[in-house]
Amino acid sequence: MILCIDSGNSRIKWAWLTDGQWSDPGTATQGDFSALTALTASLPSPRRILLANVAGDAVAASIVDALAPWQRRLDVVRSEAAA
């Protein structure tokens, strides 16, 4: 099970990928990290977490903090400008 998180400037979206199937999508207003924290309390630890974030370093740090129990599984995906 992989938790995929897309952190934009106005919303945070997530969904689970298990055996090629998407499930349990969720959303939160940017800056409200309580729903992510709740995931760590109510669900088993995912095999991996992928975070794509365009909202800045402070938001990324807050997401990492919200997912503290699962941090060792978190990978931040970074895009690069095209040549």
Protein backbone atom coordinates (compact mmCIF):
# COMPACT_ATOMS: atom_id res chain seq x y z
CA MET A 1 0.00 0.00 0.00
CA ILE A 2 1.40 3.38 -1.08
CA LEU A 3 0.06 6.72 0.14
CA CYS A 4 0.33 9.37 -2.58
CA ILE A 5 0.04 13.02 -1.51
CA ASP A 6 -0.27 16.05 -3.78
CA SER A 7 0.28 19.29 -1.88
CA GLY A 8 -0.77 22.32 -3.92
CA ASN A 9 -1.08 25.97 -3.06
CA SER A 10 -4.71 25.75 -1.92
CA ARG A 11 -5.39 22.04 -1.20
CA ILE A 12 -3.73 18.84 -0.10
CA LYS A 13 -5.03 15.71 -1.84
CA TRP A 14 -4.19 12.08 -1.18
CA ALA A 15 -5.17 8.57 -2.15
CA TRP A 16 -3.94 5.04 -1.57
CA LEU A 17 -2.50 2.84 -4.29
CA THR A 18 -2.80 -0.88 -3.62
CA ASP A 19 -2.23 -3.55 -6.26
CA GLY A 20 -2.69 -0.99 -9.04
CA GLN A 21 -6.02 0.28 -7.68
CA TRP A 22 -6.71 3.75 -6.21
CA SER A 23 -8.82 3.98 -3.05
CA ASP A 24 -9.85 6.20 -0.16
CA PRO A 25 -9.09 9.64 -1.61
CA GLY A 26 -9.07 12.59 0.73
CA THR A 27 -8.63 16.35 0.63
CA ALA A 28 -7.87 19.14 3.07
CA THR A 29 -7.47 22.88 2.81
CA GLN A 30 -3.80 23.81 2.61
CA GLY A 31 -2.53 24.45 6.12
CA ASP A 32 -4.93 21.99 7.80
CA PHE A 33 -2.70 19.02 8.51
CA SER A 34 -5.01 17.38 11.07
CA ALA A 35 -6.48 14.96 8.52
CA LEU A 36 -3.00 13.67 7.68
CA THR A 37 -2.22 13.24 11.36
CA ALA A 38 -5.49 11.34 11.76
CA LEU A 39 -4.41 8.89 9.04
CA THR A 40 -1.42 7.84 11.12
CA ALA A 41 -3.68 7.14 14.09
CA SER A 42 -6.35 5.17 12.27
CA LEU A 43 -4.60 3.21 9.51
CA PRO A 44 -1.71 0.78 9.27
CA SER A 45 1.61 2.15 8.16
CA PRO A 46 1.94 2.24 4.36
CA ARG A 47 4.82 0.54 2.59
CA ARG A 48 5.77 3.90 1.09
CA ILE A 49 4.62 7.54 1.00
CA LEU A 50 5.15 9.74 -2.04
CA LEU A 51 4.81 13.50 -1.53
CA ALA A 52 4.64 15.98 -4.40
CA ASN A 53 4.62 19.52 -3.02
CA VAL A 54 4.55 22.91 -4.75
CA ALA A 55 3.50 24.88 -1.66
CA GLY A 56 6.99 25.56 -0.32
CA ASP A 57 9.43 24.20 2.21
CA ALA A 58 7.43 25.22 5.29
CA VAL A 59 4.39 23.28 4.08
CA ALA A 60 6.54 20.26 3.24
CA ALA A 61 8.00 20.35 6.75
CA SER A 62 4.48 20.54 8.26
CA ILE A 63 3.36 17.53 6.22
CA VAL A 64 6.42 15.59 7.33
CA ASP A 65 5.61 16.53 10.95
CA ALA A 66 1.97 15.46 10.52
CA LEU A 67 3.14 12.08 9.23
CA ALA A 68 5.83 11.70 11.91
CA PRO A 69 4.96 8.10 12.83
CA TRP A 70 5.47 7.11 9.19
CA GLN A 71 8.46 9.35 8.31
CA ARG A 72 10.88 6.55 7.51
CA ARG A 73 8.63 5.62 4.59
CA LEU A 74 8.25 9.12 3.12
CA ASP A 75 9.86 10.12 -0.18
CA VAL A 76 9.55 13.66 -1.53
CA VAL A 77 9.15 13.77 -5.29
CA ARG A 78 10.72 16.86 -6.84
CA SER A 79 10.18 18.15 -10.34
CA GLU A 80 12.87 19.89 -12.31
CA ALA A 81 12.61 22.57 -14.93
CA ALA A 82 12.80 21.31 -18.50
CA ALA A 83 15.91 22.19 -20.46
